[in-house]
mmCIF file of all heavy atoms, coordinates in Angstrom:
data_MODEL
# 
_entry.id   MODEL 
# 
loop_
_atom_site.group_PDB 
_atom_site.id 
_atom_site.type_symbol 
_atom_site.label_atom_id 
_atom_site.label_alt_id 
_atom_site.label_comp_id 
_atom_site.label_asym_id 
_atom_site.label_entity_id 
_atom_site.label_seq_id 
_atom_site.pdbx_PDB_ins_code 
_atom_site.Cartn_x 
_atom_site.Cartn_y 
_atom_site.Cartn_z 
_atom_site.occupancy 
_atom_site.B_iso_or_equiv 
_atom_site.pdbx_formal_charge 
_atom_site.auth_seq_id 
_atom_site.auth_comp_id 
_atom_site.auth_asym_id 
_atom_site.auth_atom_id 
_atom_site.pdbx_PDB_model_num 
ATOM 1   N N   . TRP A 1 1  ? -57.443 -6.060  25.364 1.00 0.00 ? 1  TRP A N   1 
ATOM 2   C CA  . TRP A 1 1  ? -58.482 -6.859  26.027 1.00 0.00 ? 1  TRP A CA  1 
ATOM 3   C C   . TRP A 1 1  ? -57.808 -8.100  26.635 1.00 0.00 ? 1  TRP A C   1 
ATOM 4   O O   . TRP A 1 1  ? -56.951 -8.770  25.953 1.00 0.00 ? 1  TRP A O   1 
ATOM 5   C CB  . TRP A 1 1  ? -59.569 -7.244  24.957 1.00 0.00 ? 1  TRP A CB  1 
ATOM 6   C CG  . TRP A 1 1  ? -60.624 -8.064  25.682 1.00 0.00 ? 1  TRP A CG  1 
ATOM 7   C CD1 . TRP A 1 1  ? -60.717 -9.487  25.591 1.00 0.00 ? 1  TRP A CD1 1 
ATOM 8   C CD2 . TRP A 1 1  ? -61.607 -7.623  26.561 1.00 0.00 ? 1  TRP A CD2 1 
ATOM 9   N NE1 . TRP A 1 1  ? -61.850 -9.947  26.241 1.00 0.00 ? 1  TRP A NE1 1 
ATOM 10  C CE2 . TRP A 1 1  ? -62.423 -8.813  26.854 1.00 0.00 ? 1  TRP A CE2 1 
ATOM 11  C CE3 . TRP A 1 1  ? -62.136 -6.401  27.020 1.00 0.00 ? 1  TRP A CE3 1 
ATOM 12  C CZ2 . TRP A 1 1  ? -63.595 -8.661  27.749 1.00 0.00 ? 1  TRP A CZ2 1 
ATOM 13  C CZ3 . TRP A 1 1  ? -63.228 -6.364  27.844 1.00 0.00 ? 1  TRP A CZ3 1 
ATOM 14  C CH2 . TRP A 1 1  ? -63.858 -7.491  28.149 1.00 0.00 ? 1  TRP A CH2 1 
ATOM 15  N N   . THR A 1 2  ? -58.297 -8.473  27.830 1.00 0.00 ? 2  THR A N   1 
ATOM 16  C CA  . THR A 1 2  ? -57.693 -9.656  28.439 1.00 0.00 ? 2  THR A CA  1 
ATOM 17  C C   . THR A 1 2  ? -58.790 -10.712 28.538 1.00 0.00 ? 2  THR A C   1 
ATOM 18  O O   . THR A 1 2  ? -59.986 -10.442 28.986 1.00 0.00 ? 2  THR A O   1 
ATOM 19  C CB  . THR A 1 2  ? -57.306 -9.280  29.928 1.00 0.00 ? 2  THR A CB  1 
ATOM 20  O OG1 . THR A 1 2  ? -56.192 -8.344  29.916 1.00 0.00 ? 2  THR A OG1 1 
ATOM 21  C CG2 . THR A 1 2  ? -56.844 -10.501 30.674 1.00 0.00 ? 2  THR A CG2 1 
ATOM 22  N N   . VAL A 1 3  ? -58.440 -11.919 27.993 1.00 0.00 ? 3  VAL A N   1 
ATOM 23  C CA  . VAL A 1 3  ? -59.353 -13.036 27.969 1.00 0.00 ? 3  VAL A CA  1 
ATOM 24  C C   . VAL A 1 3  ? -59.218 -13.753 29.374 1.00 0.00 ? 3  VAL A C   1 
ATOM 25  O O   . VAL A 1 3  ? -58.141 -14.241 29.617 1.00 0.00 ? 3  VAL A O   1 
ATOM 26  C CB  . VAL A 1 3  ? -59.095 -14.026 26.751 1.00 0.00 ? 3  VAL A CB  1 
ATOM 27  C CG1 . VAL A 1 3  ? -59.975 -15.309 26.876 1.00 0.00 ? 3  VAL A CG1 1 
ATOM 28  C CG2 . VAL A 1 3  ? -59.237 -13.285 25.507 1.00 0.00 ? 3  VAL A CG2 1 
ATOM 29  N N   . ARG A 1 4  ? -60.314 -13.923 30.155 1.00 0.00 ? 4  ARG A N   1 
ATOM 30  C CA  . ARG A 1 4  ? -60.078 -14.540 31.349 1.00 0.00 ? 4  ARG A CA  1 
ATOM 31  C C   . ARG A 1 4  ? -59.977 -15.966 31.417 1.00 0.00 ? 4  ARG A C   1 
ATOM 32  O O   . ARG A 1 4  ? -59.209 -16.432 32.360 1.00 0.00 ? 4  ARG A O   1 
ATOM 33  C CB  . ARG A 1 4  ? -61.488 -14.170 32.174 1.00 0.00 ? 4  ARG A CB  1 
ATOM 34  C CG  . ARG A 1 4  ? -61.891 -12.778 32.522 1.00 0.00 ? 4  ARG A CG  1 
ATOM 35  C CD  . ARG A 1 4  ? -62.994 -12.525 33.300 1.00 0.00 ? 4  ARG A CD  1 
ATOM 36  N NE  . ARG A 1 4  ? -63.134 -13.248 34.569 1.00 0.00 ? 4  ARG A NE  1 
ATOM 37  C CZ  . ARG A 1 4  ? -64.030 -13.370 35.297 1.00 0.00 ? 4  ARG A CZ  1 
ATOM 38  N NH1 . ARG A 1 4  ? -65.346 -12.983 34.856 1.00 0.00 ? 4  ARG A NH1 1 
ATOM 39  N NH2 . ARG A 1 4  ? -63.978 -13.889 36.445 1.00 0.00 ? 4  ARG A NH2 1 
ATOM 40  N N   . GLU A 1 5  ? -60.414 -16.732 30.447 1.00 0.00 ? 5  GLU A N   1 
ATOM 41  C CA  . GLU A 1 5  ? -60.464 -18.134 30.501 1.00 0.00 ? 5  GLU A CA  1 
ATOM 42  C C   . GLU A 1 5  ? -60.354 -18.745 29.212 1.00 0.00 ? 5  GLU A C   1 
ATOM 43  O O   . GLU A 1 5  ? -60.936 -18.334 28.188 1.00 0.00 ? 5  GLU A O   1 
ATOM 44  C CB  . GLU A 1 5  ? -61.663 -18.770 31.124 1.00 0.00 ? 5  GLU A CB  1 
ATOM 45  C CG  . GLU A 1 5  ? -61.893 -20.227 31.282 1.00 0.00 ? 5  GLU A CG  1 
ATOM 46  C CD  . GLU A 1 5  ? -63.068 -20.507 32.075 1.00 0.00 ? 5  GLU A CD  1 
ATOM 47  O OE1 . GLU A 1 5  ? -64.128 -20.665 31.307 1.00 0.00 ? 5  GLU A OE1 1 
ATOM 48  O OE2 . GLU A 1 5  ? -62.973 -20.746 33.308 1.00 0.00 ? 5  GLU A OE2 1 
ATOM 49  N N   . THR A 1 6  ? -59.448 -19.638 28.967 1.00 0.00 ? 6  THR A N   1 
ATOM 50  C CA  . THR A 1 6  ? -59.160 -20.344 27.608 1.00 0.00 ? 6  THR A CA  1 
ATOM 51  C C   . THR A 1 6  ? -59.489 -21.817 27.713 1.00 0.00 ? 6  THR A C   1 
ATOM 52  O O   . THR A 1 6  ? -58.802 -22.503 28.599 1.00 0.00 ? 6  THR A O   1 
ATOM 53  C CB  . THR A 1 6  ? -57.823 -20.063 27.102 1.00 0.00 ? 6  THR A CB  1 
ATOM 54  O OG1 . THR A 1 6  ? -57.646 -18.584 26.943 1.00 0.00 ? 6  THR A OG1 1 
ATOM 55  C CG2 . THR A 1 6  ? -57.660 -20.698 25.723 1.00 0.00 ? 6  THR A CG2 1 
ATOM 56  N N   . TRP A 1 7  ? -60.210 -22.334 26.815 1.00 0.00 ? 7  TRP A N   1 
ATOM 57  C CA  . TRP A 1 7  ? -60.468 -23.790 26.687 1.00 0.00 ? 7  TRP A CA  1 
ATOM 58  C C   . TRP A 1 7  ? -59.731 -24.380 25.426 1.00 0.00 ? 7  TRP A C   1 
ATOM 59  O O   . TRP A 1 7  ? -59.844 -23.714 24.356 1.00 0.00 ? 7  TRP A O   1 
ATOM 60  C CB  . TRP A 1 7  ? -62.030 -24.025 26.583 1.00 0.00 ? 7  TRP A CB  1 
ATOM 61  C CG  . TRP A 1 7  ? -62.901 -23.758 27.578 1.00 0.00 ? 7  TRP A CG  1 
ATOM 62  C CD1 . TRP A 1 7  ? -62.762 -22.676 28.529 1.00 0.00 ? 7  TRP A CD1 1 
ATOM 63  C CD2 . TRP A 1 7  ? -64.035 -24.372 28.103 1.00 0.00 ? 7  TRP A CD2 1 
ATOM 64  N NE1 . TRP A 1 7  ? -63.704 -22.668 29.453 1.00 0.00 ? 7  TRP A NE1 1 
ATOM 65  C CE2 . TRP A 1 7  ? -64.610 -23.771 29.159 1.00 0.00 ? 7  TRP A CE2 1 
ATOM 66  C CE3 . TRP A 1 7  ? -64.694 -25.443 27.533 1.00 0.00 ? 7  TRP A CE3 1 
ATOM 67  C CZ2 . TRP A 1 7  ? -65.847 -24.063 29.772 1.00 0.00 ? 7  TRP A CZ2 1 
ATOM 68  C CZ3 . TRP A 1 7  ? -65.917 -25.837 28.170 1.00 0.00 ? 7  TRP A CZ3 1 
ATOM 69  C CH2 . TRP A 1 7  ? -66.473 -25.081 29.224 1.00 0.00 ? 7  TRP A CH2 1 
ATOM 70  N N   . LEU A 1 8  ? -59.004 -25.414 25.565 1.00 0.00 ? 8  LEU A N   1 
ATOM 71  C CA  . LEU A 1 8  ? -58.200 -26.089 24.580 1.00 0.00 ? 8  LEU A CA  1 
ATOM 72  C C   . LEU A 1 8  ? -59.025 -27.305 24.047 1.00 0.00 ? 8  LEU A C   1 
ATOM 73  O O   . LEU A 1 8  ? -59.377 -28.162 24.931 1.00 0.00 ? 8  LEU A O   1 
ATOM 74  C CB  . LEU A 1 8  ? -56.902 -26.421 24.983 1.00 0.00 ? 8  LEU A CB  1 
ATOM 75  C CG  . LEU A 1 8  ? -56.012 -25.337 25.635 1.00 0.00 ? 8  LEU A CG  1 
ATOM 76  C CD1 . LEU A 1 8  ? -54.666 -25.846 26.004 1.00 0.00 ? 8  LEU A CD1 1 
ATOM 77  C CD2 . LEU A 1 8  ? -55.973 -24.173 24.562 1.00 0.00 ? 8  LEU A CD2 1 
ATOM 78  N N   . SER A 1 9  ? -59.317 -27.416 22.806 1.00 0.00 ? 9  SER A N   1 
ATOM 79  C CA  . SER A 1 9  ? -59.890 -28.569 22.264 1.00 0.00 ? 9  SER A CA  1 
ATOM 80  C C   . SER A 1 9  ? -58.858 -29.508 21.656 1.00 0.00 ? 9  SER A C   1 
ATOM 81  O O   . SER A 1 9  ? -57.877 -29.024 21.089 1.00 0.00 ? 9  SER A O   1 
ATOM 82  C CB  . SER A 1 9  ? -60.916 -28.172 21.128 1.00 0.00 ? 9  SER A CB  1 
ATOM 83  O OG  . SER A 1 9  ? -61.529 -29.269 20.564 1.00 0.00 ? 9  SER A OG  1 
ATOM 84  N N   . ALA A 1 10 ? -59.049 -30.779 21.746 1.00 0.00 ? 10 ALA A N   1 
ATOM 85  C CA  . ALA A 1 10 ? -58.072 -31.795 21.160 1.00 0.00 ? 10 ALA A CA  1 
ATOM 86  C C   . ALA A 1 10 ? -56.783 -31.753 21.875 1.00 0.00 ? 10 ALA A C   1 
ATOM 87  O O   . ALA A 1 10 ? -55.774 -32.026 21.295 1.00 0.00 ? 10 ALA A O   1 
ATOM 88  C CB  . ALA A 1 10 ? -58.056 -31.643 19.630 1.00 0.00 ? 10 ALA A CB  1 
ATOM 89  N N   . HIS A 1 11 ? -56.777 -31.459 23.123 1.00 0.00 ? 11 HIS A N   1 
ATOM 90  C CA  . HIS A 1 11 ? -55.554 -31.495 23.925 1.00 0.00 ? 11 HIS A CA  1 
ATOM 91  C C   . HIS A 1 11 ? -55.181 -32.942 24.320 1.00 0.00 ? 11 HIS A C   1 
ATOM 92  O O   . HIS A 1 11 ? -56.130 -33.728 24.420 1.00 0.00 ? 11 HIS A O   1 
ATOM 93  C CB  . HIS A 1 11 ? -55.698 -30.624 25.251 1.00 0.00 ? 11 HIS A CB  1 
ATOM 94  C CG  . HIS A 1 11 ? -54.368 -30.315 26.022 1.00 0.00 ? 11 HIS A CG  1 
ATOM 95  N ND1 . HIS A 1 11 ? -53.951 -31.114 26.962 1.00 0.00 ? 11 HIS A ND1 1 
ATOM 96  C CD2 . HIS A 1 11 ? -53.515 -29.243 25.905 1.00 0.00 ? 11 HIS A CD2 1 
ATOM 97  C CE1 . HIS A 1 11 ? -52.837 -30.605 27.472 1.00 0.00 ? 11 HIS A CE1 1 
ATOM 98  N NE2 . HIS A 1 11 ? -52.564 -29.429 26.846 1.00 0.00 ? 11 HIS A NE2 1 
ATOM 99  N N   . PRO A 1 12 ? -54.004 -33.223 24.579 1.00 0.00 ? 12 PRO A N   1 
ATOM 100 C CA  . PRO A 1 12 ? -53.485 -34.662 24.872 1.00 0.00 ? 12 PRO A CA  1 
ATOM 101 C C   . PRO A 1 12 ? -54.138 -35.027 26.265 1.00 0.00 ? 12 PRO A C   1 
ATOM 102 O O   . PRO A 1 12 ? -54.335 -36.207 26.349 1.00 0.00 ? 12 PRO A O   1 
ATOM 103 C CB  . PRO A 1 12 ? -52.031 -34.480 24.995 1.00 0.00 ? 12 PRO A CB  1 
ATOM 104 C CG  . PRO A 1 12 ? -51.610 -33.584 24.195 1.00 0.00 ? 12 PRO A CG  1 
ATOM 105 C CD  . PRO A 1 12 ? -52.706 -32.429 24.225 1.00 0.00 ? 12 PRO A CD  1 
ATOM 106 N N   . THR A 1 13 ? -54.439 -34.223 27.026 1.00 0.00 ? 13 THR A N   1 
ATOM 107 C CA  . THR A 1 13 ? -55.174 -34.408 28.387 1.00 0.00 ? 13 THR A CA  1 
ATOM 108 C C   . THR A 1 13 ? -56.401 -33.501 28.470 1.00 0.00 ? 13 THR A C   1 
ATOM 109 O O   . THR A 1 13 ? -56.468 -32.449 27.788 1.00 0.00 ? 13 THR A O   1 
ATOM 110 C CB  . THR A 1 13 ? -54.250 -34.234 29.552 1.00 0.00 ? 13 THR A CB  1 
ATOM 111 O OG1 . THR A 1 13 ? -53.862 -32.902 29.680 1.00 0.00 ? 13 THR A OG1 1 
ATOM 112 C CG2 . THR A 1 13 ? -53.047 -35.190 29.519 1.00 0.00 ? 13 THR A CG2 1 
ATOM 113 N N   . ALA A 1 14 ? -57.344 -33.934 29.266 1.00 0.00 ? 14 ALA A N   1 
ATOM 114 C CA  . ALA A 1 14 ? -58.605 -33.196 29.565 1.00 0.00 ? 14 ALA A CA  1 
ATOM 115 C C   . ALA A 1 14 ? -58.708 -32.948 31.037 1.00 0.00 ? 14 ALA A C   1 
ATOM 116 O O   . ALA A 1 14 ? -58.473 -33.875 31.845 1.00 0.00 ? 14 ALA A O   1 
ATOM 117 C CB  . ALA A 1 14 ? -59.741 -33.814 28.893 1.00 0.00 ? 14 ALA A CB  1 
ATOM 118 N N   . ASN A 1 15 ? -59.220 -31.789 31.424 1.00 0.00 ? 15 ASN A N   1 
ATOM 119 C CA  . ASN A 1 15 ? -59.428 -31.578 32.843 1.00 0.00 ? 15 ASN A CA  1 
ATOM 120 C C   . ASN A 1 15 ? -60.939 -30.990 33.000 1.00 0.00 ? 15 ASN A C   1 
ATOM 121 O O   . ASN A 1 15 ? -61.229 -30.676 34.134 1.00 0.00 ? 15 ASN A O   1 
ATOM 122 C CB  . ASN A 1 15 ? -58.513 -30.618 33.413 1.00 0.00 ? 15 ASN A CB  1 
ATOM 123 C CG  . ASN A 1 15 ? -58.371 -29.240 32.866 1.00 0.00 ? 15 ASN A CG  1 
ATOM 124 O OD1 . ASN A 1 15 ? -59.365 -28.904 32.005 1.00 0.00 ? 15 ASN A OD1 1 
ATOM 125 N ND2 . ASN A 1 15 ? -57.552 -28.478 33.191 1.00 0.00 ? 15 ASN A ND2 1 
ATOM 126 N N   . HIS A 1 16 ? -61.699 -31.167 32.004 1.00 0.00 ? 16 HIS A N   1 
ATOM 127 C CA  . HIS A 1 16 ? -63.160 -30.642 31.969 1.00 0.00 ? 16 HIS A CA  1 
ATOM 128 C C   . HIS A 1 16 ? -63.901 -31.314 31.070 1.00 0.00 ? 16 HIS A C   1 
ATOM 129 O O   . HIS A 1 16 ? -63.560 -31.451 29.819 1.00 0.00 ? 16 HIS A O   1 
ATOM 130 C CB  . HIS A 1 16 ? -63.282 -29.163 31.998 1.00 0.00 ? 16 HIS A CB  1 
ATOM 131 C CG  . HIS A 1 16 ? -64.564 -28.628 32.062 1.00 0.00 ? 16 HIS A CG  1 
ATOM 132 N ND1 . HIS A 1 16 ? -65.391 -28.647 33.290 1.00 0.00 ? 16 HIS A ND1 1 
ATOM 133 C CD2 . HIS A 1 16 ? -65.315 -27.795 31.215 1.00 0.00 ? 16 HIS A CD2 1 
ATOM 134 C CE1 . HIS A 1 16 ? -66.465 -28.170 33.048 1.00 0.00 ? 16 HIS A CE1 1 
ATOM 135 N NE2 . HIS A 1 16 ? -66.612 -27.649 31.929 1.00 0.00 ? 16 HIS A NE2 1 
ATOM 136 N N   . ALA A 1 17 ? -65.099 -31.789 31.314 1.00 0.00 ? 17 ALA A N   1 
ATOM 137 C CA  . ALA A 1 17 ? -65.979 -32.394 30.436 1.00 0.00 ? 17 ALA A CA  1 
ATOM 138 C C   . ALA A 1 17 ? -67.345 -31.695 30.506 1.00 0.00 ? 17 ALA A C   1 
ATOM 139 O O   . ALA A 1 17 ? -67.727 -31.185 31.496 1.00 0.00 ? 17 ALA A O   1 
ATOM 140 C CB  . ALA A 1 17 ? -66.339 -33.828 30.689 1.00 0.00 ? 17 ALA A CB  1 
ATOM 141 N N   . VAL A 1 18 ? -68.049 -31.601 29.344 1.00 0.00 ? 18 VAL A N   1 
ATOM 142 C CA  . VAL A 1 18 ? -69.326 -30.917 29.212 1.00 0.00 ? 18 VAL A CA  1 
ATOM 143 C C   . VAL A 1 18 ? -70.239 -31.983 28.726 1.00 0.00 ? 18 VAL A C   1 
ATOM 144 O O   . VAL A 1 18 ? -70.097 -32.694 27.727 1.00 0.00 ? 18 VAL A O   1 
ATOM 145 C CB  . VAL A 1 18 ? -69.417 -29.715 28.241 1.00 0.00 ? 18 VAL A CB  1 
ATOM 146 C CG1 . VAL A 1 18 ? -70.723 -29.140 28.120 1.00 0.00 ? 18 VAL A CG1 1 
ATOM 147 C CG2 . VAL A 1 18 ? -68.348 -28.642 28.675 1.00 0.00 ? 18 VAL A CG2 1 
ATOM 148 N N   . ASP A 1 19 ? -71.410 -32.166 29.490 1.00 0.00 ? 19 ASP A N   1 
ATOM 149 C CA  . ASP A 1 19 ? -72.477 -33.194 29.122 1.00 0.00 ? 19 ASP A CA  1 
ATOM 150 C C   . ASP A 1 19 ? -73.229 -32.583 28.044 1.00 0.00 ? 19 ASP A C   1 
ATOM 151 O O   . ASP A 1 19 ? -73.888 -31.518 28.087 1.00 0.00 ? 19 ASP A O   1 
ATOM 152 C CB  . ASP A 1 19 ? -73.281 -33.444 30.288 1.00 0.00 ? 19 ASP A CB  1 
ATOM 153 C CG  . ASP A 1 19 ? -74.399 -34.575 30.070 1.00 0.00 ? 19 ASP A CG  1 
ATOM 154 O OD1 . ASP A 1 19 ? -74.802 -34.855 28.884 1.00 0.00 ? 19 ASP A OD1 1 
ATOM 155 O OD2 . ASP A 1 19 ? -74.710 -35.342 30.980 1.00 0.00 ? 19 ASP A OD2 1 
ATOM 156 N N   . VAL A 1 20 ? -73.194 -33.221 26.795 1.00 0.00 ? 20 VAL A N   1 
ATOM 157 C CA  . VAL A 1 20 ? -73.772 -32.711 25.695 1.00 0.00 ? 20 VAL A CA  1 
ATOM 158 C C   . VAL A 1 20 ? -74.888 -33.614 25.144 1.00 0.00 ? 20 VAL A C   1 
ATOM 159 O O   . VAL A 1 20 ? -75.287 -33.564 23.951 1.00 0.00 ? 20 VAL A O   1 
ATOM 160 C CB  . VAL A 1 20 ? -72.802 -32.389 24.436 1.00 0.00 ? 20 VAL A CB  1 
ATOM 161 C CG1 . VAL A 1 20 ? -71.807 -31.341 24.878 1.00 0.00 ? 20 VAL A CG1 1 
ATOM 162 C CG2 . VAL A 1 20 ? -72.044 -33.714 24.029 1.00 0.00 ? 20 VAL A CG2 1 
ATOM 163 N N   . THR A 1 21 ? -75.440 -34.522 26.098 1.00 0.00 ? 21 THR A N   1 
ATOM 164 C CA  . THR A 1 21 ? -76.375 -35.513 25.561 1.00 0.00 ? 21 THR A CA  1 
ATOM 165 C C   . THR A 1 21 ? -77.643 -34.829 25.065 1.00 0.00 ? 21 THR A C   1 
ATOM 166 O O   . THR A 1 21 ? -78.115 -35.162 24.004 1.00 0.00 ? 21 THR A O   1 
ATOM 167 C CB  . THR A 1 21 ? -76.843 -36.330 26.816 1.00 0.00 ? 21 THR A CB  1 
ATOM 168 O OG1 . THR A 1 21 ? -75.772 -36.737 27.496 1.00 0.00 ? 21 THR A OG1 1 
ATOM 169 C CG2 . THR A 1 21 ? -77.749 -37.395 26.418 1.00 0.00 ? 21 THR A CG2 1 
ATOM 170 N N   . ASP A 1 22 ? -78.091 -33.731 25.730 1.00 0.00 ? 22 ASP A N   1 
ATOM 171 C CA  . ASP A 1 22 ? -79.233 -32.998 25.306 1.00 0.00 ? 22 ASP A CA  1 
ATOM 172 C C   . ASP A 1 22 ? -79.039 -32.099 24.108 1.00 0.00 ? 22 ASP A C   1 
ATOM 173 O O   . ASP A 1 22 ? -80.049 -31.683 23.557 1.00 0.00 ? 22 ASP A O   1 
ATOM 174 C CB  . ASP A 1 22 ? -79.705 -32.144 26.535 1.00 0.00 ? 22 ASP A CB  1 
ATOM 175 C CG  . ASP A 1 22 ? -80.284 -33.001 27.683 1.00 0.00 ? 22 ASP A CG  1 
ATOM 176 O OD1 . ASP A 1 22 ? -80.550 -34.163 27.402 1.00 0.00 ? 22 ASP A OD1 1 
ATOM 177 O OD2 . ASP A 1 22 ? -80.333 -32.437 28.842 1.00 0.00 ? 22 ASP A OD2 1 
ATOM 178 N N   . THR A 1 23 ? -77.780 -31.872 23.633 1.00 0.00 ? 23 THR A N   1 
ATOM 179 C CA  . THR A 1 23 ? -77.558 -31.079 22.543 1.00 0.00 ? 23 THR A CA  1 
ATOM 180 C C   . THR A 1 23 ? -76.935 -31.860 21.400 1.00 0.00 ? 23 THR A C   1 
ATOM 181 O O   . THR A 1 23 ? -76.591 -31.304 20.370 1.00 0.00 ? 23 THR A O   1 
ATOM 182 C CB  . THR A 1 23 ? -76.689 -29.789 22.857 1.00 0.00 ? 23 THR A CB  1 
ATOM 183 O OG1 . THR A 1 23 ? -75.461 -30.328 23.442 1.00 0.00 ? 23 THR A OG1 1 
ATOM 184 C CG2 . THR A 1 23 ? -77.361 -28.916 23.811 1.00 0.00 ? 23 THR A CG2 1 
ATOM 185 N N   . PHE A 1 24 ? -76.909 -33.128 21.561 1.00 0.00 ? 24 PHE A N   1 
ATOM 186 C CA  . PHE A 1 24 ? -76.274 -34.062 20.555 1.00 0.00 ? 24 PHE A CA  1 
ATOM 187 C C   . PHE A 1 24 ? -76.878 -33.952 19.202 1.00 0.00 ? 24 PHE A C   1 
ATOM 188 O O   . PHE A 1 24 ? -76.249 -33.924 18.151 1.00 0.00 ? 24 PHE A O   1 
ATOM 189 C CB  . PHE A 1 24 ? -76.269 -35.556 20.978 1.00 0.00 ? 24 PHE A CB  1 
ATOM 190 C CG  . PHE A 1 24 ? -75.629 -36.456 20.025 1.00 0.00 ? 24 PHE A CG  1 
ATOM 191 C CD1 . PHE A 1 24 ? -74.267 -36.475 19.948 1.00 0.00 ? 24 PHE A CD1 1 
ATOM 192 C CD2 . PHE A 1 24 ? -76.442 -37.318 19.291 1.00 0.00 ? 24 PHE A CD2 1 
ATOM 193 C CE1 . PHE A 1 24 ? -73.698 -37.337 18.972 1.00 0.00 ? 24 PHE A CE1 1 
ATOM 194 C CE2 . PHE A 1 24 ? -75.898 -38.150 18.488 1.00 0.00 ? 24 PHE A CE2 1 
ATOM 195 C CZ  . PHE A 1 24 ? -74.487 -38.188 18.219 1.00 0.00 ? 24 PHE A CZ  1 
ATOM 196 N N   . ASP A 1 25 ? -78.237 -33.986 19.091 1.00 0.00 ? 25 ASP A N   1 
ATOM 197 C CA  . ASP A 1 25 ? -78.975 -33.934 17.897 1.00 0.00 ? 25 ASP A CA  1 
ATOM 198 C C   . ASP A 1 25 ? -78.603 -32.557 17.099 1.00 0.00 ? 25 ASP A C   1 
ATOM 199 O O   . ASP A 1 25 ? -78.414 -32.633 15.796 1.00 0.00 ? 25 ASP A O   1 
ATOM 200 C CB  . ASP A 1 25 ? -80.452 -33.932 18.018 1.00 0.00 ? 25 ASP A CB  1 
ATOM 201 C CG  . ASP A 1 25 ? -80.947 -35.327 18.416 1.00 0.00 ? 25 ASP A CG  1 
ATOM 202 O OD1 . ASP A 1 25 ? -80.214 -36.266 18.449 1.00 0.00 ? 25 ASP A OD1 1 
ATOM 203 O OD2 . ASP A 1 25 ? -82.076 -35.427 18.952 1.00 0.00 ? 25 ASP A OD2 1 
# 
């Protein structure tokens, strides 16, 4: 199986942000 896209958490740099205001609670 080939994974099309990988997101890295806690990377030294970031290139994408997700607005989580509405899911913060």
